Amino acid sequence: MSGAFDDLRARIAENDREIVARVNTRLRLVAELWQVKEEQGAPRVDPEREARLRESLAAANEGPLSPDGLERLVTELLDLTKEELGS
């Protein structure tokens, strides 16, 4: 394979590692947030906040990720967070 091919594969692999690291960071931050919410007697899940998150990410999406693809990604991220942290 060509050098360009290998370079692109290496960059994709690095990007994938960064995604995993960012998801792990998100999980840690949400766990901290949920602890604070528990101390304050607030519910863990805030549907209004989730709606604002979706709107914010849709506004920030410059593509090529489609709006439908972004919706799937956010839904999976929120579901994964709840599953991993046991909501």
PDB file of N, CA and C in Angstrom:
ATOM      1  N   MET A   1       0.836  -1.188   0.000  1.00  0.00           N
ATOM      2  CA  MET A   1       0.000   0.000   0.000  1.00  0.00           C
ATOM      3  C   MET A   1       0.882   1.254   0.000  1.00  0.00           C
ATOM      4  N   SER A   2       0.286   2.328  -0.419  1.00  0.00           N
ATOM      5  CA  SER A   2       1.038   3.568  -0.538  1.00  0.00           C
ATOM      6  C   SER A   2       1.212   4.252   0.811  1.00  0.00           C
ATOM      7  N   GLY A   3       2.119   5.194   0.857  1.00  0.00           N
ATOM      8  CA  GLY A   3       2.333   5.967   2.065  1.00  0.00           C
ATOM      9  C   GLY A   3       1.102   6.760   2.451  1.00  0.00           C
ATOM     10  N   ALA A   4       0.391   7.272   1.449  1.00  0.00           N
ATOM     11  CA  ALA A   4      -0.832   8.037   1.725  1.00  0.00           C
ATOM     12  C   ALA A   4      -1.877   7.153   2.396  1.00  0.00           C
ATOM     13  N   PHE A   5      -1.988   5.923   1.915  1.00  0.00           N
ATOM     14  CA  PHE A   5      -2.940   4.964   2.492  1.00  0.00           C
ATOM     15  C   PHE A   5      -2.603   4.709   3.957  1.00  0.00           C
ATOM     16  N   ASP A   6      -1.339   4.406   4.219  1.00  0.00           N
ATOM     17  CA  ASP A   6      -0.899   4.131   5.593  1.00  0.00           C
ATOM     18  C   ASP A   6      -1.075   5.352   6.492  1.00  0.00           C
ATOM     19  N   ASP A   7      -0.778   6.533   5.946  1.00  0.00           N
ATOM     20  CA  ASP A   7      -0.926   7.758   6.724  1.00  0.00           C
ATOM     21  C   ASP A   7      -2.393   7.991   7.088  1.00  0.00           C
ATOM     22  N   LEU A   8      -3.277   7.804   6.140  1.00  0.00           N
ATOM     23  CA  LEU A   8      -4.703   7.995   6.417  1.00  0.00           C
ATOM     24  C   LEU A   8      -5.205   6.989   7.448  1.00  0.00           C
ATOM     25  N   ARG A   9      -4.780   5.743   7.305  1.00  0.00           N
ATOM     26  CA  ARG A   9      -5.189   4.732   8.295  1.00  0.00           C
ATOM     27  C   ARG A   9      -4.679   5.085   9.686  1.00  0.00           C
ATOM     28  N   ALA A  10      -3.449   5.568   9.789  1.00  0.00           N
ATOM     29  CA  ALA A  10      -2.890   5.957  11.087  1.00  0.00           C
ATOM     30  C   ALA A  10      -3.667   7.132  11.672  1.00  0.00           C
ATOM     31  N   ARG A  11      -4.020   8.091  10.837  1.00  0.00           N
ATOM     32  CA  ARG A  11      -4.792   9.249  11.311  1.00  0.00           C
ATOM     33  C   ARG A  11      -6.185   8.839  11.762  1.00  0.00           C
ATOM     34  N   ILE A  12      -6.804   7.925  11.043  1.00  0.00           N
ATOM     35  CA  ILE A  12      -8.128   7.423  11.442  1.00  0.00           C
ATOM     36  C   ILE A  12      -8.028   6.695  12.781  1.00  0.00           C
ATOM     37  N   ALA A  13      -7.006   5.861  12.945  1.00  0.00           N
ATOM     38  CA  ALA A  13      -6.826   5.127  14.202  1.00  0.00           C
ATOM     39  C   ALA A  13      -6.612   6.089  15.369  1.00  0.00           C
ATOM     40  N   GLU A  14      -5.833   7.122  15.156  1.00  0.00           N
ATOM     41  CA  GLU A  14      -5.614   8.125  16.206  1.00  0.00           C
ATOM     42  C   GLU A  14      -6.922   8.834  16.542  1.00  0.00           C
ATOM     43  N   ASN A  15      -7.684   9.180  15.533  1.00  0.00           N
ATOM     44  CA  ASN A  15      -8.981   9.817  15.750  1.00  0.00           C
ATOM     45  C   ASN A  15      -9.894   8.908  16.571  1.00  0.00           C
ATOM     46  N   ASP A  16      -9.914   7.624  16.241  1.00  0.00           N
ATOM     47  CA  ASP A  16     -10.747   6.671  16.980  1.00  0.00           C
ATOM     48  C   ASP A  16     -10.325   6.581  18.440  1.00  0.00           C
ATOM     49  N   ARG A  17      -9.020   6.601  18.701  1.00  0.00           N
ATOM     50  CA  ARG A  17      -8.538   6.585  20.088  1.00  0.00           C
ATOM     51  C   ARG A  17      -8.981   7.848  20.822  1.00  0.00           C
ATOM     52  N   GLU A  18      -8.953   8.989  20.122  1.00  0.00           N
ATOM     53  CA  GLU A  18      -9.396  10.245  20.726  1.00  0.00           C
ATOM     54  C   GLU A  18     -10.890  10.197  21.049  1.00  0.00           C
ATOM     55  N   ILE A  19     -11.677   9.585  20.179  1.00  0.00           N
ATOM     56  CA  ILE A  19     -13.112   9.455  20.438  1.00  0.00           C
ATOM     57  C   ILE A  19     -13.341   8.656  21.713  1.00  0.00           C
ATOM     58  N   VAL A  20     -12.631   7.530  21.856  1.00  0.00           N
ATOM     59  CA  VAL A  20     -12.783   6.699  23.053  1.00  0.00           C
ATOM     60  C   VAL A  20     -12.367   7.488  24.294  1.00  0.00           C
ATOM     61  N   ALA A  21     -11.275   8.220  24.203  1.00  0.00           N
ATOM     62  CA  ALA A  21     -10.819   9.021  25.345  1.00  0.00           C
ATOM     63  C   ALA A  21     -11.855  10.079  25.707  1.00  0.00           C
ATOM     64  N   ARG A  22     -12.445  10.720  24.720  1.00  0.00           N
ATOM     65  CA  ARG A  22     -13.450  11.763  24.977  1.00  0.00           C
ATOM     66  C   ARG A  22     -14.718  11.169  25.586  1.00  0.00           C
ATOM     67  N   VAL A  23     -15.115   9.995  25.122  1.00  0.00           N
ATOM     68  CA  VAL A  23     -16.298   9.348  25.708  1.00  0.00           C
ATOM     69  C   VAL A  23     -16.022   8.994  27.164  1.00  0.00           C
ATOM     70  N   ASN A  24     -14.832   8.490  27.452  1.00  0.00           N
ATOM     71  CA  ASN A  24     -14.482   8.175  28.837  1.00  0.00           C
ATOM     72  C   ASN A  24     -14.469   9.434  29.703  1.00  0.00           C
ATOM     73  N   THR A  25     -13.953  10.529  29.174  1.00  0.00           N
ATOM     74  CA  THR A  25     -13.984  11.798  29.907  1.00  0.00           C
ATOM     75  C   THR A  25     -15.419  12.223  30.162  1.00  0.00           C
ATOM     76  N   ARG A  26     -16.276  12.090  29.155  1.00  0.00           N
ATOM     77  CA  ARG A  26     -17.687  12.445  29.312  1.00  0.00           C
ATOM     78  C   ARG A  26     -18.340  11.614  30.410  1.00  0.00           C
ATOM     79  N   LEU A  27     -18.056  10.323  30.425  1.00  0.00           N
ATOM     80  CA  LEU A  27     -18.626   9.452  31.452  1.00  0.00           C
ATOM     81  C   LEU A  27     -18.187   9.886  32.848  1.00  0.00           C
ATOM     82  N   ARG A  28     -16.930  10.230  33.004  1.00  0.00           N
ATOM     83  CA  ARG A  28     -16.441  10.687  34.315  1.00  0.00           C
ATOM     84  C   ARG A  28     -17.132  11.982  34.737  1.00  0.00           C
ATOM     85  N   LEU A  29     -17.276  12.914  33.801  1.00  0.00           N
ATOM     86  CA  LEU A  29     -17.914  14.194  34.119  1.00  0.00           C
ATOM     87  C   LEU A  29     -19.385  14.017  34.456  1.00  0.00           C
ATOM     88  N   VAL A  30     -20.083  13.183  33.709  1.00  0.00           N
ATOM     89  CA  VAL A  30     -21.496  12.943  33.998  1.00  0.00           C
ATOM     90  C   VAL A  30     -21.646  12.267  35.355  1.00  0.00           C
ATOM     91  N   ALA A  31     -20.751  11.333  35.683  1.00  0.00           N
ATOM     92  CA  ALA A  31     -20.808  10.692  36.998  1.00  0.00           C
ATOM     93  C   ALA A  31     -20.661  11.740  38.105  1.00  0.00           C
ATOM     94  N   GLU A  32     -19.740  12.689  37.918  1.00  0.00           N
ATOM     95  CA  GLU A  32     -19.590  13.772  38.899  1.00  0.00           C
ATOM     96  C   GLU A  32     -20.854  14.624  38.976  1.00  0.00           C
ATOM     97  N   LEU A  33     -21.406  14.956  37.818  1.00  0.00           N
ATOM     98  CA  LEU A  33     -22.633  15.750  37.785  1.00  0.00           C
ATOM     99  C   LEU A  33     -23.762  15.038  38.506  1.00  0.00           C
ATOM    100  N   TRP A  34     -23.904  13.745  38.254  1.00  0.00           N
ATOM    101  CA  TRP A  34     -24.975  12.988  38.899  1.00  0.00           C
ATOM    102  C   TRP A  34     -24.787  12.944  40.408  1.00  0.00           C
ATOM    103  N   GLN A  35     -23.543  12.914  40.864  1.00  0.00           N
ATOM    104  CA  GLN A  35     -23.283  12.942  42.304  1.00  0.00           C
ATOM    105  C   GLN A  35     -23.764  14.266  42.892  1.00  0.00           C
ATOM    106  N   VAL A  36     -23.457  15.361  42.215  1.00  0.00           N
ATOM    107  CA  VAL A  36     -23.903  16.678  42.677  1.00  0.00           C
ATOM    108  C   VAL A  36     -25.426  16.749  42.660  1.00  0.00           C
ATOM    109  N   LYS A  37     -26.032  16.241  41.602  1.00  0.00           N
ATOM    110  CA  LYS A  37     -27.493  16.243  41.518  1.00  0.00           C
ATOM    111  C   LYS A  37     -28.104  15.433  42.656  1.00  0.00           C
ATOM    112  N   GLU A  38     -27.495  14.287  42.960  1.00  0.00           N
ATOM    113  CA  GLU A  38     -27.997  13.454  44.063  1.00  0.00           C
ATOM    114  C   GLU A  38     -27.922  14.218  45.379  1.00  0.00           C
ATOM    115  N   GLU A  39     -26.813  14.899  45.605  1.00  0.00           N
ATOM    116  CA  GLU A  39     -26.647  15.679  46.832  1.00  0.00           C
ATOM    117  C   GLU A  39     -27.678  16.796  46.931  1.00  0.00           C
ATOM    118  N   GLN A  40     -28.107  17.317  45.795  1.00  0.00           N
ATOM    119  CA  GLN A  40     -29.069  18.418  45.773  1.00  0.00           C
ATOM    120  C   GLN A  40     -30.504  17.946  45.593  1.00  0.00           C
ATOM    121  N   GLY A  41     -30.680  16.631  45.455  1.00  0.00           N
ATOM    122  CA  GLY A  41     -32.018  16.090  45.298  1.00  0.00           C
ATOM    123  C   GLY A  41     -32.630  16.306  43.927  1.00  0.00           C
ATOM    124  N   ALA A  42     -31.794  16.538  42.939  1.00  0.00           N
ATOM    125  CA  ALA A  42     -32.275  16.757  41.571  1.00  0.00           C
ATOM    126  C   ALA A  42     -32.294  15.434  40.809  1.00  0.00           C
ATOM    127  N   PRO A  43     -33.205  15.290  39.849  1.00  0.00           N
ATOM    128  CA  PRO A  43     -33.224  14.065  39.046  1.00  0.00           C
ATOM    129  C   PRO A  43     -31.991  13.975  38.152  1.00  0.00           C
ATOM    130  N   ARG A  44     -31.559  12.743  37.903  1.00  0.00           N
ATOM    131  CA  ARG A  44     -30.381  12.544  37.058  1.00  0.00           C
ATOM    132  C   ARG A  44     -30.610  13.003  35.627  1.00  0.00           C
ATOM    133  N   VAL A  45     -31.741  12.627  35.075  1.00  0.00           N
ATOM    134  CA  VAL A  45     -32.014  12.905  33.666  1.00  0.00           C
ATOM    135  C   VAL A  45     -32.859  14.168  33.554  1.00  0.00           C
ATOM    136  N   ASP A  46     -32.461  15.047  32.641  1.00  0.00           N
ATOM    137  CA  ASP A  46     -33.151  16.305  32.394  1.00  0.00           C
ATOM    138  C   ASP A  46     -33.497  16.369  30.908  1.00  0.00           C
ATOM    139  N   PRO A  47     -34.722  15.991  30.543  1.00  0.00           N
ATOM    140  CA  PRO A  47     -35.097  15.982  29.125  1.00  0.00           C
ATOM    141  C   PRO A  47     -34.919  17.342  28.439  1.00  0.00           C
ATOM    142  N   GLU A  48     -35.151  18.423  29.149  1.00  0.00           N
ATOM    143  CA  GLU A  48     -34.957  19.746  28.557  1.00  0.00           C
ATOM    144  C   GLU A  48     -33.485  19.992  28.236  1.00  0.00           C
ATOM    145  N   ARG A  49     -32.604  19.556  29.132  1.00  0.00           N
ATOM    146  CA  ARG A  49     -31.166  19.706  28.896  1.00  0.00           C
ATOM    147  C   ARG A  49     -30.740  18.853  27.704  1.00  0.00           C
ATOM    148  N   GLU A  50     -31.279  17.643  27.606  1.00  0.00           N
ATOM    149  CA  GLU A  50     -30.955  16.783  26.470  1.00  0.00           C
ATOM    150  C   GLU A  50     -31.409  17.434  25.168  1.00  0.00           C
ATOM    151  N   ALA A  51     -32.569  18.078  25.170  1.00  0.00           N
ATOM    152  CA  ALA A  51     -33.064  18.764  23.969  1.00  0.00           C
ATOM    153  C   ALA A  51     -32.138  19.923  23.593  1.00  0.00           C
ATOM    154  N   ARG A  52     -31.684  20.677  24.600  1.00  0.00           N
ATOM    155  CA  ARG A  52     -30.759  21.781  24.328  1.00  0.00           C
ATOM    156  C   ARG A  52     -29.429  21.261  23.798  1.00  0.00           C
ATOM    157  N   LEU A  53     -28.973  20.120  24.319  1.00  0.00           N
ATOM    158  CA  LEU A  53     -27.740  19.508  23.828  1.00  0.00           C
ATOM    159  C   LEU A  53     -27.879  19.158  22.349  1.00  0.00           C
ATOM    160  N   ARG A  54     -28.998  18.530  21.996  1.00  0.00           N
ATOM    161  CA  ARG A  54     -29.236  18.155  20.597  1.00  0.00           C
ATOM    162  C   ARG A  54     -29.237  19.396  19.697  1.00  0.00           C
ATOM    163  N   GLU A  55     -29.910  20.455  20.142  1.00  0.00           N
ATOM    164  CA  GLU A  55     -29.956  21.699  19.362  1.00  0.00           C
ATOM    165  C   GLU A  55     -28.570  22.301  19.203  1.00  0.00           C
ATOM    166  N   SER A  56     -27.811  22.325  20.287  1.00  0.00           N
ATOM    167  CA  SER A  56     -26.471  22.899  20.264  1.00  0.00           C
ATOM    168  C   SER A  56     -25.549  22.128  19.326  1.00  0.00           C
ATOM    169  N   LEU A  57     -25.607  20.807  19.404  1.00  0.00           N
ATOM    170  CA  LEU A  57     -24.754  19.996  18.537  1.00  0.00           C
ATOM    171  C   LEU A  57     -25.185  20.093  17.081  1.00  0.00           C
ATOM    172  N   ALA A  58     -26.487  20.202  16.833  1.00  0.00           N
ATOM    173  CA  ALA A  58     -26.967  20.372  15.458  1.00  0.00           C
ATOM    174  C   ALA A  58     -26.453  21.690  14.882  1.00  0.00           C
ATOM    175  N   ALA A  59     -26.449  22.739  15.687  1.00  0.00           N
ATOM    176  CA  ALA A  59     -25.959  24.034  15.231  1.00  0.00           C
ATOM    177  C   ALA A  59     -24.448  24.012  14.985  1.00  0.00           C
ATOM    178  N   ALA A  60     -23.730  23.200  15.748  1.00  0.00           N
ATOM    179  CA  ALA A  60     -22.273  23.131  15.622  1.00  0.00           C
ATOM    180  C   ALA A  60     -21.817  22.181  14.514  1.00  0.00           C
ATOM    181  N   ASN A  61     -22.707  21.322  14.041  1.00  0.00           N
ATOM    182  CA  ASN A  61     -22.335  20.310  13.050  1.00  0.00           C
ATOM    183  C   ASN A  61     -22.086  20.959  11.691  1.00  0.00           C
ATOM    184  N   GLU A  62     -20.857  20.872  11.229  1.00  0.00           N
ATOM    185  CA  GLU A  62     -20.473  21.446   9.936  1.00  0.00           C
ATOM    186  C   GLU A  62     -20.405  20.393   8.835  1.00  0.00           C
ATOM    187  N   GLY A  63     -20.783  19.142   9.159  1.00  0.00           N
ATOM    188  CA  GLY A  63     -20.770  18.080   8.167  1.00  0.00           C
ATOM    189  C   GLY A  63     -19.381  17.546   7.920  1.00  0.00           C
ATOM    190  N   PRO A  64     -19.289  16.460   7.244  1.00  0.00           N
ATOM    191  CA  PRO A  64     -20.308  15.852   6.402  1.00  0.00           C
ATOM    192  C   PRO A  64     -21.337  14.987   7.147  1.00  0.00           C
ATOM    193  N   LEU A  65     -21.285  14.948   8.465  1.00  0.00           N
ATOM    194  CA  LEU A  65     -22.283  14.184   9.218  1.00  0.00           C
ATOM    195  C   LEU A  65     -23.664  14.791   8.968  1.00  0.00           C
ATOM    196  N   SER A  66     -24.587  13.974   8.516  1.00  0.00           N
ATOM    197  CA  SER A  66     -25.942  14.440   8.212  1.00  0.00           C
ATOM    198  C   SER A  66     -26.707  14.727   9.503  1.00  0.00           C
ATOM    199  N   PRO A  67     -27.775  15.507   9.422  1.00  0.00           N
ATOM    200  CA  PRO A  67     -28.609  15.722  10.605  1.00  0.00           C
ATOM    201  C   PRO A  67     -29.130  14.405  11.187  1.00  0.00           C
ATOM    202  N   ASP A  68     -29.540  13.471  10.334  1.00  0.00           N
ATOM    203  CA  ASP A  68     -30.006  12.174  10.827  1.00  0.00           C
ATOM    204  C   ASP A  68     -28.872  11.400  11.488  1.00  0.00           C
ATOM    205  N   GLY A  69     -27.695  11.461  10.899  1.00  0.00           N
ATOM    206  CA  GLY A  69     -26.537  10.791  11.494  1.00  0.00           C
ATOM    207  C   GLY A  69     -26.179  11.385  12.843  1.00  0.00           C
ATOM    208  N   LEU A  70     -26.246  12.708  12.945  1.00  0.00           N
ATOM    209  CA  LEU A  70     -25.974  13.374  14.217  1.00  0.00           C
ATOM    210  C   LEU A  70     -26.999  12.963  15.257  1.00  0.00           C
ATOM    211  N   GLU A  71     -28.261  12.903  14.869  1.00  0.00           N
ATOM    212  CA  GLU A  71     -29.314  12.496  15.802  1.00  0.00           C
ATOM    213  C   GLU A  71     -29.047  11.084  16.323  1.00  0.00           C
ATOM    214  N   ARG A  72     -28.658  10.188  15.449  1.00  0.00           N
ATOM    215  CA  ARG A  72     -28.334   8.815  15.862  1.00  0.00           C
ATOM    216  C   ARG A  72     -27.146   8.812  16.815  1.00  0.00           C
ATOM    217  N   LEU A  73     -26.114   9.602  16.492  1.00  0.00           N
ATOM    218  CA  LEU A  73     -24.920   9.655  17.331  1.00  0.00           C
ATOM    219  C   LEU A  73     -25.250  10.169  18.732  1.00  0.00           C
ATOM    220  N   VAL A  74     -26.009  11.246  18.820  1.00  0.00           N
ATOM    221  CA  VAL A  74     -26.353  11.825  20.121  1.00  0.00           C
ATOM    222  C   VAL A  74     -27.227  10.857  20.912  1.00  0.00           C
ATOM    223  N   THR A  75     -28.189  10.239  20.251  1.00  0.00           N
ATOM    224  CA  THR A  75     -29.049   9.269  20.934  1.00  0.00           C
ATOM    225  C   THR A  75     -28.215   8.125  21.489  1.00  0.00           C
ATOM    226  N   GLU A  76     -27.304   7.605  20.701  1.00  0.00           N
ATOM    227  CA  GLU A  76     -26.441   6.517  21.171  1.00  0.00           C
ATOM    228  C   GLU A  76     -25.556   6.972  22.329  1.00  0.00           C
ATOM    229  N   LEU A  77     -25.017   8.173  22.230  1.00  0.00           N
ATOM    230  CA  LEU A  77     -24.161   8.691  23.298  1.00  0.00           C
ATOM    231  C   LEU A  77     -24.932   8.837  24.603  1.00  0.00           C
ATOM    232  N   LEU A  78     -26.124   9.386  24.528  1.00  0.00           N
ATOM    233  CA  LEU A  78     -26.941   9.563  25.741  1.00  0.00           C
ATOM    234  C   LEU A  78     -27.356   8.199  26.299  1.00  0.00           C
ATOM    235  N   ASP A  79     -27.769   7.293  25.427  1.00  0.00           N
ATOM    236  CA  ASP A  79     -28.160   5.944  25.891  1.00  0.00           C
ATOM    237  C   ASP A  79     -26.972   5.205  26.504  1.00  0.00           C
ATOM    238  N   LEU A  80     -25.817   5.314  25.862  1.00  0.00           N
ATOM    239  CA  LEU A  80     -24.606   4.659  26.376  1.00  0.00           C
ATOM    240  C   LEU A  80     -24.235   5.223  27.740  1.00  0.00           C
ATOM    241  N   THR A  81     -24.303   6.529  27.883  1.00  0.00           N
ATOM    242  CA  THR A  81     -23.982   7.166  29.156  1.00  0.00           C
ATOM    243  C   THR A  81     -24.885   6.625  30.265  1.00  0.00           C
ATOM    244  N   LYS A  82     -26.180   6.589  30.002  1.00  0.00           N
ATOM    245  CA  LYS A  82     -27.130   6.097  31.006  1.00  0.00           C
ATOM    246  C   LYS A  82     -26.875   4.621  31.326  1.00  0.00           C
ATOM    247  N   GLU A  83     -26.578   3.838  30.310  1.00  0.00           N
ATOM    248  CA  GLU A  83     -26.314   2.417  30.526  1.00  0.00           C
ATOM    249  C   GLU A  83     -25.025   2.199  31.312  1.00  0.00           C
ATOM    250  N   GLU A  84     -23.982   2.886  30.929  1.00  0.00           N
ATOM    251  CA  GLU A  84     -22.676   2.723  31.602  1.00  0.00           C
ATOM    252  C   GLU A  84     -22.726   3.178  33.055  1.00  0.00           C
ATOM    253  N   LEU A  85     -23.478   4.239  33.312  1.00  0.00           N
ATOM    254  CA  LEU A  85     -23.507   4.815  34.668  1.00  0.00           C
ATOM    255  C   LEU A  85     -24.708   4.335  35.482  1.00  0.00           C
ATOM    256  N   GLY A  86     -25.557   3.523  34.874  1.00  0.00           N
ATOM    257  CA  GLY A  86     -26.653   2.915  35.610  1.00  0.00           C
ATOM    258  C   GLY A  86     -27.737   3.866  36.031  1.00  0.00           C
ATOM    259  N   SER A  87     -28.279   4.612  35.072  1.00  0.00           N
ATOM    260  CA  SER A  87     -29.351   5.560  35.445  1.00  0.00           C
ATOM    261  C   SER A  87     -30.638   4.849  35.760  1.00  0.00           C
TER     262      SER A  87
END
